[in-house]
Protein backbone atom coordinates (compact mmCIF):
# COMPACT_ATOMS: atom_id res chain seq x y z
CA MET A 1 0.00 0.00 0.00
CA GLN A 2 1.13 3.54 -0.63
CA VAL A 3 -0.86 5.05 2.23
CA ILE A 4 1.91 4.38 4.73
CA HIS A 5 4.49 5.85 2.36
CA VAL A 6 2.47 9.02 1.88
CA LEU A 7 1.83 9.33 5.61
CA LEU A 8 5.49 8.93 6.47
CA TYR A 9 6.46 11.37 3.74
CA THR A 10 3.98 13.97 4.98
CA ILE A 11 5.06 13.54 8.60
CA GLU A 12 8.73 13.88 7.73
CA ASN A 13 8.03 16.87 5.51
CA THR A 14 6.06 18.59 8.25
CA THR A 15 8.73 17.84 10.83
CA PHE A 16 11.47 19.23 8.62
CA ASN A 17 9.39 22.32 7.90
CA GLY A 18 8.51 22.77 11.57
CA SER A 19 12.12 22.39 12.61
């Protein structure tokens, strides 16, 4: 499934942006 991949990508992207 690609849902997990998208979720992880979004979380990492948000974390990088927040940091």
